[in-house]
Amino acid sequence: MKSHRTKPLASSRFRGDPGQAVRPLASLLVGALALFMLSACAGLHPGTAATVGDESIPTSEVDDVTRISCDLGGSAPQPRSAVMRDIVNALVTTRVDTQYAESVGGTYDKNQLQQRVQQLEDSLTKLSDTDRDTYVQVVSDFLRSQLMLADVGAKSLQKKGTAKPAVDESVNEGSKLSAAWAKKNIDVEIDPRYNPGTSGKAGGGDGSISRPVSPYAKSASGTAKPDFVTALPAELRCG
């Protein structure tokens, strides 16, 4: 069974100060670990969740971040499999946007990034040093990509006549430029176990590539009902 090559995903973007992205990302990265789906991966190396151009996202990274996020809690209960796909999407998006911004010379304020990262680190005292470093690195990479998109987007809008574009406008502009660049310059490939679709999002497929093999997986492959989620064993849900 071949891994699924997709167009780069168009993800939802935060609005406002890029530094405030810590909270939405922390909410997004609320743990997941196992997806009960048949999968075989011919195009990707074993242990690879996705590739973005020449850059690989290890399955171990997805597993580690989902486990840590689930330990942190802080959101309504969800099937672990559904949240795991959200995490894959976040990791892919971060890499796509970073590669684009770096290719066009995007910059960011290192002091601003460090301040936001320090705030996050201070809130993660319950984690081990290793888990905290892993989680902080993921959020830091995301924030860095958004700051660079804001820089690139602002310069683009200024060329179009907007003297002082707002941060959300700049990020949206940068996101559009990133998506257009990615379609022409980069391939995104996602392991079938995450059920990718033509949109490029994990969880966006119709299930024909990797079919659910349990009642849990069948429900989790779509939008699960609250009563289903609460009835799941603790190891199959997060929150």
C-alpha atoms as a PDB file:
ATOM      1  CA  MET A   1       0.000   0.000   0.000  1.00  0.00           C
ATOM      2  CA  LYS A   2       1.518   3.276  -1.041  1.00  0.00           C
ATOM      3  CA  SER A   3       1.872   6.306   1.098  1.00  0.00           C
ATOM      4  CA  HIS A   4      -0.266   9.193  -0.022  1.00  0.00           C
ATOM      5  CA  ARG A   5       1.315  12.148  -1.777  1.00  0.00           C
ATOM      6  CA  THR A   6      -0.711  15.280  -1.382  1.00  0.00           C
ATOM      7  CA  LYS A   7      -0.728  18.946  -2.073  1.00  0.00           C
ATOM      8  CA  PRO A   8       0.545  21.007   0.879  1.00  0.00           C
ATOM      9  CA  LEU A   9      -2.256  21.657   3.311  1.00  0.00           C
ATOM     10  CA  ALA A  10      -3.841  25.033   3.822  1.00  0.00           C
ATOM     11  CA  SER A  11      -4.073  25.240   7.578  1.00  0.00           C
ATOM     12  CA  SER A  12      -6.034  27.594   9.767  1.00  0.00           C
ATOM     13  CA  ARG A  13      -3.927  30.484  11.011  1.00  0.00           C
ATOM     14  CA  PHE A  14      -4.004  32.374  14.258  1.00  0.00           C
ATOM     15  CA  ARG A  15      -4.883  36.034  14.255  1.00  0.00           C
ATOM     16  CA  GLY A  16      -3.310  38.829  16.235  1.00  0.00           C
ATOM     17  CA  ASP A  17       0.116  38.918  17.837  1.00  0.00           C
ATOM     18  CA  PRO A  18       2.152  35.952  16.542  1.00  0.00           C
ATOM     19  CA  GLY A  19       3.411  35.469  20.060  1.00  0.00           C
ATOM     20  CA  GLN A  20      -0.120  34.566  21.179  1.00  0.00           C
ATOM     21  CA  ALA A  21       0.082  31.418  19.062  1.00  0.00           C
ATOM     22  CA  VAL A  22       1.393  29.491  22.062  1.00  0.00           C
ATOM     23  CA  ARG A  23      -2.123  29.013  23.402  1.00  0.00           C
ATOM     24  CA  PRO A  24      -3.870  27.826  20.195  1.00  0.00           C
ATOM     25  CA  LEU A  25      -1.035  25.471  19.396  1.00  0.00           C
ATOM     26  CA  ALA A  26      -0.945  24.126  22.928  1.00  0.00           C
ATOM     27  CA  SER A  27      -4.686  23.519  22.614  1.00  0.00           C
ATOM     28  CA  LEU A  28      -4.204  21.814  19.266  1.00  0.00           C
ATOM     29  CA  LEU A  29      -1.440  19.549  20.496  1.00  0.00           C
ATOM     30  CA  VAL A  30      -3.548  17.608  22.972  1.00  0.00           C
ATOM     31  CA  GLY A  31      -2.285  14.042  22.853  1.00  0.00           C
ATOM     32  CA  ALA A  32      -3.000  11.034  20.725  1.00  0.00           C
ATOM     33  CA  LEU A  33      -1.052   7.882  20.161  1.00  0.00           C
ATOM     34  CA  ALA A  34      -2.667   4.945  18.391  1.00  0.00           C
ATOM     35  CA  LEU A  35      -4.868   4.793  15.292  1.00  0.00           C
ATOM     36  CA  PHE A  36      -6.428   1.375  14.726  1.00  0.00           C
ATOM     37  CA  MET A  37      -6.138   1.354  10.934  1.00  0.00           C
ATOM     38  CA  LEU A  38      -4.503  -0.954   8.474  1.00  0.00           C
ATOM     39  CA  SER A  39      -1.547   0.712   6.851  1.00  0.00           C
ATOM     40  CA  ALA A  40       1.497  -0.208   4.855  1.00  0.00           C
ATOM     41  CA  CYS A  41       3.905   2.404   3.702  1.00  0.00           C
ATOM     42  CA  ALA A  42       5.808   1.826   0.481  1.00  0.00           C
ATOM     43  CA  GLY A  43       6.773   5.414  -0.330  1.00  0.00           C
ATOM     44  CA  LEU A  44       7.940   6.478   3.111  1.00  0.00           C
ATOM     45  CA  HIS A  45      10.721   4.920   5.137  1.00  0.00           C
ATOM     46  CA  PRO A  46       9.620   2.939   8.198  1.00  0.00           C
ATOM     47  CA  GLY A  47       9.182   5.237  11.179  1.00  0.00           C
ATOM     48  CA  THR A  48       8.323   8.262   9.020  1.00  0.00           C
ATOM     49  CA  ALA A  49       4.973   9.971   9.585  1.00  0.00           C
ATOM     50  CA  ALA A  50       5.339  12.460   6.735  1.00  0.00           C
ATOM     51  CA  THR A  51       7.829  14.171   4.480  1.00  0.00           C
ATOM     52  CA  VAL A  52       7.875  17.828   3.477  1.00  0.00           C
ATOM     53  CA  GLY A  53      10.248  18.140   0.569  1.00  0.00           C
ATOM     54  CA  ASP A  54      13.509  16.619   1.753  1.00  0.00           C
ATOM     55  CA  GLU A  55      12.579  16.953   5.424  1.00  0.00           C
ATOM     56  CA  SER A  56      11.104  14.030   7.340  1.00  0.00           C
ATOM     57  CA  ILE A  57       8.740  14.027  10.316  1.00  0.00           C
ATOM     58  CA  PRO A  58       9.462  10.928  12.410  1.00  0.00           C
ATOM     59  CA  THR A  59       6.589   8.885  13.760  1.00  0.00           C
ATOM     60  CA  SER A  60       8.408   9.040  17.090  1.00  0.00           C
ATOM     61  CA  GLU A  61       8.009  12.836  17.107  1.00  0.00           C
ATOM     62  CA  VAL A  62       4.273  12.523  16.559  1.00  0.00           C
ATOM     63  CA  ASP A  63       4.054   9.898  19.301  1.00  0.00           C
ATOM     64  CA  ASP A  64       6.125  11.906  21.771  1.00  0.00           C
ATOM     65  CA  VAL A  65       4.249  15.162  21.254  1.00  0.00           C
ATOM     66  CA  THR A  66       0.845  13.507  21.482  1.00  0.00           C
ATOM     67  CA  ARG A  67       1.775  11.657  24.658  1.00  0.00           C
ATOM     68  CA  ILE A  68       3.090  14.837  26.263  1.00  0.00           C
ATOM     69  CA  SER A  69       0.095  16.871  25.158  1.00  0.00           C
ATOM     70  CA  CYS A  70      -2.302  14.298  26.535  1.00  0.00           C
ATOM     71  CA  ASP A  71      -0.456  14.421  29.849  1.00  0.00           C
ATOM     72  CA  LEU A  72      -0.891  18.190  29.909  1.00  0.00           C
ATOM     73  CA  GLY A  73      -4.644  17.978  29.260  1.00  0.00           C
ATOM     74  CA  GLY A  74      -6.617  21.207  29.085  1.00  0.00           C
ATOM     75  CA  SER A  75      -9.233  20.433  26.422  1.00  0.00           C
ATOM     76  CA  ALA A  76     -12.500  18.541  26.023  1.00  0.00           C
ATOM     77  CA  PRO A  77     -12.187  14.750  25.669  1.00  0.00           C
ATOM     78  CA  GLN A  78     -11.383  13.574  22.143  1.00  0.00           C
ATOM     79  CA  PRO A  79     -10.439  10.283  20.499  1.00  0.00           C
ATOM     80  CA  ARG A  80      -6.668   9.993  20.529  1.00  0.00           C
ATOM     81  CA  SER A  81      -6.615   9.144  16.836  1.00  0.00           C
ATOM     82  CA  ALA A  82      -8.404  12.362  15.843  1.00  0.00           C
ATOM     83  CA  VAL A  83      -6.036  14.562  17.836  1.00  0.00           C
ATOM     84  CA  MET A  84      -3.034  12.692  16.482  1.00  0.00           C
ATOM     85  CA  ARG A  85      -4.050  13.710  12.974  1.00  0.00           C
ATOM     86  CA  ASP A  86      -4.283  17.338  14.134  1.00  0.00           C
ATOM     87  CA  ILE A  87      -0.743  17.085  15.430  1.00  0.00           C
ATOM     88  CA  VAL A  88       0.520  15.658  12.140  1.00  0.00           C
ATOM     89  CA  ASN A  89      -1.103  18.579  10.332  1.00  0.00           C
ATOM     90  CA  ALA A  90       0.483  21.095  12.697  1.00  0.00           C
ATOM     91  CA  LEU A  91       3.937  19.587  12.234  1.00  0.00           C
ATOM     92  CA  VAL A  92       3.579  19.512   8.448  1.00  0.00           C
ATOM     93  CA  THR A  93       2.315  23.086   8.305  1.00  0.00           C
ATOM     94  CA  THR A  94       5.186  24.337  10.433  1.00  0.00           C
ATOM     95  CA  ARG A  95       7.740  22.775   8.101  1.00  0.00           C
ATOM     96  CA  VAL A  96       6.058  23.993   4.907  1.00  0.00           C
ATOM     97  CA  ASP A  97       5.852  27.567   6.172  1.00  0.00           C
ATOM     98  CA  THR A  98       9.380  27.541   7.552  1.00  0.00           C
ATOM     99  CA  GLN A  99      10.850  26.254   4.297  1.00  0.00           C
ATOM    100  CA  TYR A 100       8.986  28.891   2.319  1.00  0.00           C
ATOM    101  CA  ALA A 101       9.870  31.795   4.615  1.00  0.00           C
ATOM    102  CA  GLU A 102      13.534  30.821   4.724  1.00  0.00           C
ATOM    103  CA  SER A 103      13.627  30.511   0.930  1.00  0.00           C
ATOM    104  CA  VAL A 104      12.535  34.136   0.510  1.00  0.00           C
ATOM    105  CA  GLY A 105      14.607  35.600   3.330  1.00  0.00           C
ATOM    106  CA  GLY A 106      11.960  35.922   6.026  1.00  0.00           C
ATOM    107  CA  THR A 107      13.215  37.240   9.356  1.00  0.00           C
ATOM    108  CA  TYR A 108      11.926  37.316  12.932  1.00  0.00           C
ATOM    109  CA  ASP A 109      12.650  38.993  16.236  1.00  0.00           C
ATOM    110  CA  LYS A 110      14.678  36.473  18.227  1.00  0.00           C
ATOM    111  CA  ASN A 111      14.056  38.327  21.491  1.00  0.00           C
ATOM    112  CA  GLN A 112      10.313  38.222  20.987  1.00  0.00           C
ATOM    113  CA  LEU A 113      10.443  34.521  20.256  1.00  0.00           C
ATOM    114  CA  GLN A 114      12.605  33.840  23.303  1.00  0.00           C
ATOM    115  CA  GLN A 115      10.226  35.738  25.573  1.00  0.00           C
ATOM    116  CA  ARG A 116       7.265  33.661  24.406  1.00  0.00           C
ATOM    117  CA  VAL A 117       9.219  30.438  24.711  1.00  0.00           C
ATOM    118  CA  GLN A 118      10.286  31.326  28.248  1.00  0.00           C
ATOM    119  CA  GLN A 119       6.670  31.934  29.214  1.00  0.00           C
ATOM    120  CA  LEU A 120       5.783  28.506  27.894  1.00  0.00           C
ATOM    121  CA  GLU A 121       8.675  26.797  29.669  1.00  0.00           C
ATOM    122  CA  ASP A 122       7.620  28.366  32.964  1.00  0.00           C
ATOM    123  CA  SER A 123       4.169  26.804  32.608  1.00  0.00           C
ATOM    124  CA  LEU A 124       5.437  23.260  32.022  1.00  0.00           C
ATOM    125  CA  THR A 125       6.887  22.468  35.415  1.00  0.00           C
ATOM    126  CA  LYS A 126       4.936  19.194  35.669  1.00  0.00           C
ATOM    127  CA  LEU A 127       6.856  17.701  32.736  1.00  0.00           C
ATOM    128  CA  SER A 128      10.203  15.959  32.866  1.00  0.00           C
ATOM    129  CA  ASP A 129      13.152  17.853  31.415  1.00  0.00           C
ATOM    130  CA  THR A 130      13.145  15.663  28.307  1.00  0.00           C
ATOM    131  CA  ASP A 131       9.416  16.043  27.669  1.00  0.00           C
ATOM    132  CA  ARG A 132       9.536  19.767  28.304  1.00  0.00           C
ATOM    133  CA  ASP A 133      12.363  20.209  25.804  1.00  0.00           C
ATOM    134  CA  THR A 134      10.461  18.190  23.193  1.00  0.00           C
ATOM    135  CA  TYR A 135       7.227  20.128  23.631  1.00  0.00           C
ATOM    136  CA  VAL A 136       8.905  23.525  23.748  1.00  0.00           C
ATOM    137  CA  GLN A 137      10.815  22.772  20.546  1.00  0.00           C
ATOM    138  CA  VAL A 138       7.585  22.018  18.655  1.00  0.00           C
ATOM    139  CA  VAL A 139       5.866  25.185  19.845  1.00  0.00           C
ATOM    140  CA  SER A 140       8.997  27.259  19.265  1.00  0.00           C
ATOM    141  CA  ASP A 141       9.278  26.009  15.690  1.00  0.00           C
ATOM    142  CA  PHE A 142       5.629  26.902  15.083  1.00  0.00           C
ATOM    143  CA  LEU A 143       6.004  30.393  16.539  1.00  0.00           C
ATOM    144  CA  ARG A 144       9.139  30.991  14.510  1.00  0.00           C
ATOM    145  CA  SER A 145       7.345  30.012  11.296  1.00  0.00           C
ATOM    146  CA  GLN A 146       4.460  32.387  12.074  1.00  0.00           C
ATOM    147  CA  LEU A 147       6.774  35.275  12.886  1.00  0.00           C
ATOM    148  CA  MET A 148       8.583  34.774   9.594  1.00  0.00           C
ATOM    149  CA  LEU A 149       5.287  34.565   7.692  1.00  0.00           C
ATOM    150  CA  ALA A 150       4.254  37.851   9.294  1.00  0.00           C
ATOM    151  CA  ASP A 151       7.502  39.438   8.115  1.00  0.00           C
ATOM    152  CA  VAL A 152       7.157  38.152   4.559  1.00  0.00           C
ATOM    153  CA  GLY A 153       3.461  39.030   4.416  1.00  0.00           C
ATOM    154  CA  ALA A 154       3.998  42.548   5.712  1.00  0.00           C
ATOM    155  CA  LYS A 155       6.619  43.253   3.061  1.00  0.00           C
ATOM    156  CA  SER A 156       4.305  41.938   0.354  1.00  0.00           C
ATOM    157  CA  LEU A 157       1.387  44.083   1.527  1.00  0.00           C
ATOM    158  CA  GLN A 158       3.599  47.141   1.736  1.00  0.00           C
ATOM    159  CA  LYS A 159       4.582  46.651  -1.879  1.00  0.00           C
ATOM    160  CA  LYS A 160       0.887  46.515  -2.710  1.00  0.00           C
ATOM    161  CA  GLY A 161       0.278  49.860  -1.001  1.00  0.00           C
ATOM    162  CA  THR A 162      -0.608  49.000   2.617  1.00  0.00           C
ATOM    163  CA  ALA A 163       1.722  51.195   4.637  1.00  0.00           C
ATOM    164  CA  LYS A 164       1.219  49.552   8.042  1.00  0.00           C
ATOM    165  CA  PRO A 165      -0.441  46.147   7.682  1.00  0.00           C
ATOM    166  CA  ALA A 166      -1.838  44.568  10.821  1.00  0.00           C
ATOM    167  CA  VAL A 167      -0.239  41.398  12.134  1.00  0.00           C
ATOM    168  CA  ASP A 168      -3.183  39.182  11.199  1.00  0.00           C
ATOM    169  CA  GLU A 169      -3.218  40.631   7.687  1.00  0.00           C
ATOM    170  CA  SER A 170       0.503  40.008   7.377  1.00  0.00           C
ATOM    171  CA  VAL A 171       0.241  36.402   8.539  1.00  0.00           C
ATOM    172  CA  ASN A 172      -2.666  35.724   6.171  1.00  0.00           C
ATOM    173  CA  GLU A 173      -0.730  37.220   3.279  1.00  0.00           C
ATOM    174  CA  GLY A 174       2.333  35.197   4.184  1.00  0.00           C
ATOM    175  CA  SER A 175       0.211  32.056   4.383  1.00  0.00           C
ATOM    176  CA  LYS A 176      -1.188  32.617   0.906  1.00  0.00           C
ATOM    177  CA  LEU A 177       2.280  33.150  -0.492  1.00  0.00           C
ATOM    178  CA  SER A 178       3.513  30.029   1.283  1.00  0.00           C
ATOM    179  CA  ALA A 179       0.696  27.907  -0.152  1.00  0.00           C
ATOM    180  CA  ALA A 180       1.289  29.191  -3.675  1.00  0.00           C
ATOM    181  CA  TRP A 181       5.035  28.562  -3.395  1.00  0.00           C
ATOM    182  CA  ALA A 182       4.537  25.085  -1.988  1.00  0.00           C
ATOM    183  CA  LYS A 183       2.272  23.957  -4.825  1.00  0.00           C
ATOM    184  CA  LYS A 184       5.062  24.638  -7.291  1.00  0.00           C
ATOM    185  CA  ASN A 185       8.122  23.750  -5.264  1.00  0.00           C
ATOM    186  CA  ILE A 186       7.477  21.053  -2.703  1.00  0.00           C
ATOM    187  CA  ASP A 187       5.885  17.637  -2.227  1.00  0.00           C
ATOM    188  CA  VAL A 188       4.121  16.652   0.969  1.00  0.00           C
ATOM    189  CA  GLU A 189       3.699  12.937   1.636  1.00  0.00           C
ATOM    190  CA  ILE A 190       1.724  11.584   4.611  1.00  0.00           C
ATOM    191  CA  ASP A 191       1.622   8.019   5.896  1.00  0.00           C
ATOM    192  CA  PRO A 192      -1.715   6.325   5.020  1.00  0.00           C
ATOM    193  CA  ARG A 193      -2.399   5.532   8.675  1.00  0.00           C
ATOM    194  CA  TYR A 194      -3.305   9.201   9.130  1.00  0.00           C
ATOM    195  CA  ASN A 195      -5.880   8.972   6.304  1.00  0.00           C
ATOM    196  CA  PRO A 196      -4.671  11.902   4.170  1.00  0.00           C
ATOM    197  CA  GLY A 197      -6.877  13.374   1.459  1.00  0.00           C
ATOM    198  CA  THR A 198      -6.288  15.495  -1.619  1.00  0.00           C
ATOM    199  CA  SER A 199      -6.474  18.592   0.604  1.00  0.00           C
ATOM    200  CA  GLY A 200      -3.138  17.541   2.092  1.00  0.00           C
ATOM    201  CA  LYS A 201      -4.574  17.178   5.595  1.00  0.00           C
ATOM    202  CA  ALA A 202      -4.244  14.125   7.739  1.00  0.00           C
ATOM    203  CA  GLY A 203      -7.782  12.869   8.326  1.00  0.00           C
ATOM    204  CA  GLY A 204      -8.993  14.390   5.063  1.00  0.00           C
ATOM    205  CA  GLY A 205      -9.315  11.149   3.107  1.00  0.00           C
ATOM    206  CA  ASP A 206     -12.357   8.961   2.514  1.00  0.00           C
ATOM    207  CA  GLY A 207     -10.908   5.996   4.345  1.00  0.00           C
ATOM    208  CA  SER A 208     -10.295   3.957   1.191  1.00  0.00           C
ATOM    209  CA  ILE A 209      -6.522   4.130   1.583  1.00  0.00           C
ATOM    210  CA  SER A 210      -6.440   2.948   5.164  1.00  0.00           C
ATOM    211  CA  ARG A 211      -9.683   1.362   6.309  1.00  0.00           C
ATOM    212  CA  PRO A 212     -10.718   1.393   9.955  1.00  0.00           C
ATOM    213  CA  VAL A 213     -10.613  -2.085  11.464  1.00  0.00           C
ATOM    214  CA  SER A 214     -12.495  -1.534  14.726  1.00  0.00           C
ATOM    215  CA  PRO A 215     -15.632   0.301  15.875  1.00  0.00           C
ATOM    216  CA  TYR A 216     -13.333   2.762  17.618  1.00  0.00           C
ATOM    217  CA  ALA A 217     -11.416   3.548  14.446  1.00  0.00           C
ATOM    218  CA  LYS A 218     -14.615   3.824  12.405  1.00  0.00           C
ATOM    219  CA  SER A 219     -16.008   6.469  14.707  1.00  0.00           C
ATOM    220  CA  ALA A 220     -12.686   8.215  15.272  1.00  0.00           C
ATOM    221  CA  SER A 221     -12.108   8.528  11.518  1.00  0.00           C
ATOM    222  CA  GLY A 222     -14.942  11.053  11.440  1.00  0.00           C
ATOM    223  CA  THR A 223     -16.346  13.516  13.966  1.00  0.00           C
ATOM    224  CA  ALA A 224     -16.990  11.461  17.074  1.00  0.00           C
ATOM    225  CA  LYS A 225     -20.079  12.080  19.179  1.00  0.00           C
ATOM    226  CA  PRO A 226     -19.493  13.175  22.788  1.00  0.00           C
ATOM    227  CA  ASP A 227     -21.148  10.076  24.235  1.00  0.00           C
ATOM    228  CA  PHE A 228     -18.898   7.870  22.127  1.00  0.00           C
ATOM    229  CA  VAL A 229     -15.790   9.692  23.311  1.00  0.00           C
ATOM    230  CA  THR A 230     -16.674   9.493  26.991  1.00  0.00           C
ATOM    231  CA  ALA A 231     -17.392   5.775  26.628  1.00  0.00           C
ATOM    232  CA  LEU A 232     -13.941   5.052  25.217  1.00  0.00           C
ATOM    233  CA  PRO A 233     -11.373   3.352  27.461  1.00  0.00           C
ATOM    234  CA  ALA A 234      -8.938   5.831  28.961  1.00  0.00           C
ATOM    235  CA  GLU A 235      -6.114   4.635  26.723  1.00  0.00           C
ATOM    236  CA  LEU A 236      -8.150   5.488  23.605  1.00  0.00           C
ATOM    237  CA  ARG A 237      -9.102   9.023  24.483  1.00  0.00           C
ATOM    238  CA  CYS A 238      -7.422  12.207  25.587  1.00  0.00           C
ATOM    239  CA  GLY A 239      -8.941  14.584  28.096  1.00  0.00           C
END
